[in-house]
């Protein structure tokens, strides 16, 4: 069965009643019918609040947004825990026998080559969550969302961010097997391979 991971912008497309949101919901319906397996990463809980550059107060904000677009039943893929950026119950402590930092570093070099990965000036939680660090957090979320997708060995990364994810396909493919598609592209491919009901 094909496995897909939704990037957070797929949820935003539903919230904003965009055309791409219809394709997302059709993919979700196929998941509910057991014809593919769709999931969202827990990294999305750390995305900026809707229409602002502010960090969510807690993980319940994420759960409410998911519920408001009827996606509460989708599996949530946990992410590595990071102080100040992860929410309890949505992350896991890293296994020293399975280091993730080399992969994270490689992904960061692709998605944020001009932005230092470690912000030396950010040492307090309230600083890393400040509105002024929204751009840095956006790169952090993109990198860790993609890491969770790769680490779970899922098939298709579904995103509207073609600039970063499709344009850099060859670079990502050097790190792991990788395919990125828009919701419409993914829906067309899935429907073309599924047997008729």
C-alpha atoms as a PDB file:
ATOM      1  CA  UNK A   1       0.000   0.000   0.000  1.00  0.00           C
ATOM      2  CA  UNK A   2       1.300   3.449  -0.908  1.00  0.00           C
ATOM      3  CA  UNK A   3       2.181   5.670   2.040  1.00  0.00           C
ATOM      4  CA  UNK A   4       1.998   9.465   1.832  1.00  0.00           C
ATOM      5  CA  UNK A   5       2.944  12.258   4.209  1.00  0.00           C
ATOM      6  CA  UNK A   6       1.128  15.584   4.114  1.00  0.00           C
ATOM      7  CA  UNK A   7       3.195  18.729   4.487  1.00  0.00           C
ATOM      8  CA  UNK A   8       1.533  21.383   6.678  1.00  0.00           C
ATOM      9  CA  UNK A   9       0.687  23.558   3.661  1.00  0.00           C
ATOM     10  CA  UNK A  10      -1.792  20.849   2.619  1.00  0.00           C
ATOM     11  CA  UNK A  11      -3.746  21.540   5.811  1.00  0.00           C
ATOM     12  CA  UNK A  12      -3.534  25.286   5.201  1.00  0.00           C
ATOM     13  CA  UNK A  13      -4.982  24.727   1.708  1.00  0.00           C
ATOM     14  CA  UNK A  14      -8.051  23.135   3.307  1.00  0.00           C
ATOM     15  CA  UNK A  15      -8.336  25.938   5.869  1.00  0.00           C
ATOM     16  CA  UNK A  16      -8.223  28.545   3.087  1.00  0.00           C
ATOM     17  CA  UNK A  17     -10.676  26.670   0.830  1.00  0.00           C
ATOM     18  CA  UNK A  18      -8.055  26.453  -1.921  1.00  0.00           C
ATOM     19  CA  UNK A  19      -8.478  24.127  -4.888  1.00  0.00           C
ATOM     20  CA  UNK A  20      -5.541  22.003  -3.693  1.00  0.00           C
ATOM     21  CA  UNK A  21      -7.470  21.347  -0.506  1.00  0.00           C
ATOM     22  CA  UNK A  22     -10.042  19.360  -2.502  1.00  0.00           C
ATOM     23  CA  UNK A  23      -7.322  17.008  -3.745  1.00  0.00           C
ATOM     24  CA  UNK A  24      -6.021  16.632  -0.191  1.00  0.00           C
ATOM     25  CA  UNK A  25      -9.461  15.620   1.047  1.00  0.00           C
ATOM     26  CA  UNK A  26      -9.836  13.120  -1.797  1.00  0.00           C
ATOM     27  CA  UNK A  27      -6.537  11.550  -0.741  1.00  0.00           C
ATOM     28  CA  UNK A  28      -7.783  11.479   2.853  1.00  0.00           C
ATOM     29  CA  UNK A  29     -10.925   9.698   1.686  1.00  0.00           C
ATOM     30  CA  UNK A  30      -8.803   7.056  -0.044  1.00  0.00           C
ATOM     31  CA  UNK A  31      -6.953   6.623   3.251  1.00  0.00           C
ATOM     32  CA  UNK A  32     -10.251   6.130   5.067  1.00  0.00           C
ATOM     33  CA  UNK A  33     -11.243   3.534   2.498  1.00  0.00           C
ATOM     34  CA  UNK A  34      -7.993   1.649   3.163  1.00  0.00           C
ATOM     35  CA  UNK A  35      -6.635   2.262  -0.328  1.00  0.00           C
ATOM     36  CA  UNK A  36      -3.560   4.217   0.779  1.00  0.00           C
ATOM     37  CA  UNK A  37      -1.984   5.245   4.076  1.00  0.00           C
ATOM     38  CA  UNK A  38      -1.814   8.986   4.796  1.00  0.00           C
ATOM     39  CA  UNK A  39      -0.275  10.733   7.786  1.00  0.00           C
ATOM     40  CA  UNK A  40       0.792  14.120   9.141  1.00  0.00           C
ATOM     41  CA  UNK A  41       4.015  14.738  11.054  1.00  0.00           C
ATOM     42  CA  UNK A  42       3.983  16.028  14.633  1.00  0.00           C
ATOM     43  CA  UNK A  43       6.488  18.670  13.507  1.00  0.00           C
ATOM     44  CA  UNK A  44       3.492  20.572  12.125  1.00  0.00           C
ATOM     45  CA  UNK A  45       2.421  21.337  15.701  1.00  0.00           C
ATOM     46  CA  UNK A  46       5.354  23.775  15.812  1.00  0.00           C
ATOM     47  CA  UNK A  47       4.303  25.729  12.708  1.00  0.00           C
ATOM     48  CA  UNK A  48       3.442  29.416  13.129  1.00  0.00           C
ATOM     49  CA  UNK A  49      -0.102  30.286  14.096  1.00  0.00           C
ATOM     50  CA  UNK A  50      -2.500  30.913  11.254  1.00  0.00           C
ATOM     51  CA  UNK A  51      -2.034  34.369   9.761  1.00  0.00           C
ATOM     52  CA  UNK A  52       0.825  35.330  12.089  1.00  0.00           C
ATOM     53  CA  UNK A  53       4.479  34.757  12.922  1.00  0.00           C
ATOM     54  CA  UNK A  54       3.717  33.571  16.442  1.00  0.00           C
ATOM     55  CA  UNK A  55       4.541  30.186  17.937  1.00  0.00           C
ATOM     56  CA  UNK A  56       1.606  28.085  19.223  1.00  0.00           C
ATOM     57  CA  UNK A  57       1.027  28.196  22.982  1.00  0.00           C
ATOM     58  CA  UNK A  58       0.722  24.413  23.198  1.00  0.00           C
ATOM     59  CA  UNK A  59       0.037  21.269  21.188  1.00  0.00           C
ATOM     60  CA  UNK A  60      -3.713  21.641  21.625  1.00  0.00           C
ATOM     61  CA  UNK A  61      -3.704  24.472  19.068  1.00  0.00           C
ATOM     62  CA  UNK A  62      -2.455  21.988  16.477  1.00  0.00           C
ATOM     63  CA  UNK A  63      -5.037  19.391  17.481  1.00  0.00           C
ATOM     64  CA  UNK A  64      -7.834  21.962  17.186  1.00  0.00           C
ATOM     65  CA  UNK A  65      -6.699  23.041  13.724  1.00  0.00           C
ATOM     66  CA  UNK A  66      -6.571  19.408  12.596  1.00  0.00           C
ATOM     67  CA  UNK A  67     -10.037  18.789  14.022  1.00  0.00           C
ATOM     68  CA  UNK A  68     -11.453  21.910  12.353  1.00  0.00           C
ATOM     69  CA  UNK A  69     -10.577  20.536   8.908  1.00  0.00           C
ATOM     70  CA  UNK A  70     -11.762  16.990   9.726  1.00  0.00           C
ATOM     71  CA  UNK A  71      -8.327  15.356   9.830  1.00  0.00           C
ATOM     72  CA  UNK A  72      -8.261  14.161  13.444  1.00  0.00           C
ATOM     73  CA  UNK A  73      -8.340  10.521  12.389  1.00  0.00           C
ATOM     74  CA  UNK A  74      -5.087  10.734  10.404  1.00  0.00           C
ATOM     75  CA  UNK A  75      -2.078   9.070  12.045  1.00  0.00           C
ATOM     76  CA  UNK A  76       0.428  11.469  13.579  1.00  0.00           C
ATOM     77  CA  UNK A  77       4.088  10.651  12.949  1.00  0.00           C
ATOM     78  CA  UNK A  78       6.130  11.625  16.041  1.00  0.00           C
ATOM     79  CA  UNK A  79       9.283  13.674  15.628  1.00  0.00           C
ATOM     80  CA  UNK A  80      12.583  13.889  17.504  1.00  0.00           C
ATOM     81  CA  UNK A  81      12.295  16.036  20.628  1.00  0.00           C
ATOM     82  CA  UNK A  82      13.917  19.485  20.671  1.00  0.00           C
ATOM     83  CA  UNK A  83      13.792  21.804  23.653  1.00  0.00           C
ATOM     84  CA  UNK A  84      11.527  24.778  23.073  1.00  0.00           C
ATOM     85  CA  UNK A  85      10.198  23.501  19.753  1.00  0.00           C
ATOM     86  CA  UNK A  86       8.525  20.141  20.425  1.00  0.00           C
ATOM     87  CA  UNK A  87       5.368  19.352  22.375  1.00  0.00           C
ATOM     88  CA  UNK A  88       5.020  16.593  24.945  1.00  0.00           C
ATOM     89  CA  UNK A  89       3.241  13.543  23.589  1.00  0.00           C
ATOM     90  CA  UNK A  90       4.164  14.392  19.991  1.00  0.00           C
ATOM     91  CA  UNK A  91       7.884  13.631  20.082  1.00  0.00           C
ATOM     92  CA  UNK A  92      10.429  11.039  21.133  1.00  0.00           C
ATOM     93  CA  UNK A  93      13.874  11.160  22.672  1.00  0.00           C
ATOM     94  CA  UNK A  94      16.624  10.443  20.190  1.00  0.00           C
ATOM     95  CA  UNK A  95      18.312   7.056  20.205  1.00  0.00           C
ATOM     96  CA  UNK A  96      22.054   7.418  20.687  1.00  0.00           C
ATOM     97  CA  UNK A  97      22.575   4.252  18.664  1.00  0.00           C
ATOM     98  CA  UNK A  98      20.769   5.783  15.701  1.00  0.00           C
ATOM     99  CA  UNK A  99      22.221   9.295  15.271  1.00  0.00           C
ATOM    100  CA  UNK A 100      20.024  11.618  13.266  1.00  0.00           C
ATOM    101  CA  UNK A 101      22.173  14.733  13.225  1.00  0.00           C
ATOM    102  CA  UNK A 102      24.067  13.901   9.990  1.00  0.00           C
ATOM    103  CA  UNK A 103      20.776  13.566   8.089  1.00  0.00           C
ATOM    104  CA  UNK A 104      19.342  16.719   9.703  1.00  0.00           C
ATOM    105  CA  UNK A 105      22.513  18.632   8.778  1.00  0.00           C
ATOM    106  CA  UNK A 106      22.317  17.440   5.166  1.00  0.00           C
ATOM    107  CA  UNK A 107      18.669  18.426   4.839  1.00  0.00           C
ATOM    108  CA  UNK A 108      19.355  21.830   6.396  1.00  0.00           C
ATOM    109  CA  UNK A 109      22.132  22.509   3.876  1.00  0.00           C
ATOM    110  CA  UNK A 110      19.580  22.003   1.112  1.00  0.00           C
ATOM    111  CA  UNK A 111      16.601  23.864   2.590  1.00  0.00           C
ATOM    112  CA  UNK A 112      18.394  26.592   4.521  1.00  0.00           C
ATOM    113  CA  UNK A 113      21.891  26.954   3.064  1.00  0.00           C
ATOM    114  CA  UNK A 114      22.148  30.656   3.961  1.00  0.00           C
ATOM    115  CA  UNK A 115      20.699  30.280   7.462  1.00  0.00           C
ATOM    116  CA  UNK A 116      22.789  28.874  10.323  1.00  0.00           C
ATOM    117  CA  UNK A 117      21.227  25.720  11.700  1.00  0.00           C
ATOM    118  CA  UNK A 118      22.177  26.479  15.284  1.00  0.00           C
ATOM    119  CA  UNK A 119      21.150  29.941  16.345  1.00  0.00           C
ATOM    120  CA  UNK A 120      23.909  30.798  18.847  1.00  0.00           C
ATOM    121  CA  UNK A 121      21.989  33.861  19.968  1.00  0.00           C
ATOM    122  CA  UNK A 122      18.878  31.832  20.826  1.00  0.00           C
ATOM    123  CA  UNK A 123      19.344  30.208  24.192  1.00  0.00           C
ATOM    124  CA  UNK A 124      16.010  30.672  25.930  1.00  0.00           C
ATOM    125  CA  UNK A 125      12.709  29.060  24.979  1.00  0.00           C
ATOM    126  CA  UNK A 126      10.924  32.405  24.832  1.00  0.00           C
ATOM    127  CA  UNK A 127      13.563  33.631  22.366  1.00  0.00           C
ATOM    128  CA  UNK A 128      13.381  30.650  20.014  1.00  0.00           C
ATOM    129  CA  UNK A 129       9.589  31.045  20.009  1.00  0.00           C
ATOM    130  CA  UNK A 130       9.703  34.805  19.315  1.00  0.00           C
ATOM    131  CA  UNK A 131       7.981  36.207  16.218  1.00  0.00           C
ATOM    132  CA  UNK A 132      11.355  37.477  14.997  1.00  0.00           C
ATOM    133  CA  UNK A 133      12.578  33.894  14.654  1.00  0.00           C
ATOM    134  CA  UNK A 134       9.600  32.796  12.526  1.00  0.00           C
ATOM    135  CA  UNK A 135      11.693  32.421   9.368  1.00  0.00           C
ATOM    136  CA  UNK A 136      14.295  30.286  11.158  1.00  0.00           C
ATOM    137  CA  UNK A 137      11.514  28.133  12.674  1.00  0.00           C
ATOM    138  CA  UNK A 138       9.963  27.708   9.235  1.00  0.00           C
ATOM    139  CA  UNK A 139      13.198  26.177   7.937  1.00  0.00           C
ATOM    140  CA  UNK A 140      13.431  24.060  11.092  1.00  0.00           C
ATOM    141  CA  UNK A 141       9.900  22.744  10.495  1.00  0.00           C
ATOM    142  CA  UNK A 142      10.567  21.999   6.814  1.00  0.00           C
ATOM    143  CA  UNK A 143      13.779  20.114   7.629  1.00  0.00           C
ATOM    144  CA  UNK A 144      12.282  18.069  10.454  1.00  0.00           C
ATOM    145  CA  UNK A 145       9.040  17.343   8.607  1.00  0.00           C
ATOM    146  CA  UNK A 146      11.061  15.921   5.735  1.00  0.00           C
ATOM    147  CA  UNK A 147      13.303  14.023   8.153  1.00  0.00           C
ATOM    148  CA  UNK A 148      10.285  12.312   9.753  1.00  0.00           C
ATOM    149  CA  UNK A 149       8.955  11.388   6.302  1.00  0.00           C
ATOM    150  CA  UNK A 150      12.324   9.890   5.288  1.00  0.00           C
ATOM    151  CA  UNK A 151      12.957   8.218   8.640  1.00  0.00           C
ATOM    152  CA  UNK A 152       9.576   6.465   8.404  1.00  0.00           C
ATOM    153  CA  UNK A 153      10.448   5.305   4.865  1.00  0.00           C
ATOM    154  CA  UNK A 154       7.247   6.665   3.386  1.00  0.00           C
ATOM    155  CA  UNK A 155       6.612   6.778  -0.353  1.00  0.00           C
ATOM    156  CA  UNK A 156       5.353  10.222  -1.359  1.00  0.00           C
ATOM    157  CA  UNK A 157       5.816  13.606   0.320  1.00  0.00           C
ATOM    158  CA  UNK A 158       2.717  15.652  -0.562  1.00  0.00           C
ATOM    159  CA  UNK A 159       3.386  19.385  -0.570  1.00  0.00           C
ATOM    160  CA  UNK A 160       2.501  22.652  -2.261  1.00  0.00           C
ATOM    161  CA  UNK A 161       6.036  23.917  -1.659  1.00  0.00           C
ATOM    162  CA  UNK A 162       7.363  22.845  -5.038  1.00  0.00           C
ATOM    163  CA  UNK A 163      10.057  25.555  -4.913  1.00  0.00           C
ATOM    164  CA  UNK A 164      11.933  23.845  -2.100  1.00  0.00           C
ATOM    165  CA  UNK A 165      10.935  20.215  -2.345  1.00  0.00           C
ATOM    166  CA  UNK A 166      10.532  19.431  -6.042  1.00  0.00           C
ATOM    167  CA  UNK A 167      13.297  21.723  -7.266  1.00  0.00           C
ATOM    168  CA  UNK A 168      15.776  20.059  -4.905  1.00  0.00           C
ATOM    169  CA  UNK A 169      14.640  16.510  -5.666  1.00  0.00           C
ATOM    170  CA  UNK A 170      18.036  15.331  -6.920  1.00  0.00           C
ATOM    171  CA  UNK A 171      19.779  16.634  -3.797  1.00  0.00           C
ATOM    172  CA  UNK A 172      17.306  14.910  -1.488  1.00  0.00           C
ATOM    173  CA  UNK A 173      17.644  11.700  -3.497  1.00  0.00           C
ATOM    174  CA  UNK A 174      21.329  11.561  -2.550  1.00  0.00           C
ATOM    175  CA  UNK A 175      20.252  11.299   1.095  1.00  0.00           C
ATOM    176  CA  UNK A 176      17.352   8.863   0.729  1.00  0.00           C
ATOM    177  CA  UNK A 177      14.784   7.637  -1.746  1.00  0.00           C
ATOM    178  CA  UNK A 178      12.525  10.643  -2.210  1.00  0.00           C
ATOM    179  CA  UNK A 179       9.483  11.710  -4.210  1.00  0.00           C
ATOM    180  CA  UNK A 180       7.597  14.970  -3.755  1.00  0.00           C
ATOM    181  CA  UNK A 181       4.265  15.715  -5.415  1.00  0.00           C
ATOM    182  CA  UNK A 182       1.534  18.279  -5.211  1.00  0.00           C
ATOM    183  CA  UNK A 183      -1.834  16.999  -3.930  1.00  0.00           C
ATOM    184  CA  UNK A 184      -3.206  16.942  -7.483  1.00  0.00           C
ATOM    185  CA  UNK A 185      -0.192  15.060  -8.858  1.00  0.00           C
ATOM    186  CA  UNK A 186      -0.348  12.551  -6.034  1.00  0.00           C
ATOM    187  CA  UNK A 187      -4.086  11.998  -6.469  1.00  0.00           C
ATOM    188  CA  UNK A 188      -3.691  11.399 -10.214  1.00  0.00           C
ATOM    189  CA  UNK A 189      -0.888   8.898  -9.662  1.00  0.00           C
ATOM    190  CA  UNK A 190      -2.713   7.025  -6.903  1.00  0.00           C
ATOM    191  CA  UNK A 191      -5.939   6.805  -8.912  1.00  0.00           C
ATOM    192  CA  UNK A 192      -4.048   5.543 -11.958  1.00  0.00           C
ATOM    193  CA  UNK A 193      -2.611   2.618  -9.984  1.00  0.00           C
ATOM    194  CA  UNK A 194      -5.624   1.614  -7.903  1.00  0.00           C
ATOM    195  CA  UNK A 195      -7.918  -1.155  -9.137  1.00  0.00           C
ATOM    196  CA  UNK A 196     -11.513  -0.053  -9.711  1.00  0.00           C
ATOM    197  CA  UNK A 197     -13.809  -0.396  -6.731  1.00  0.00           C
END
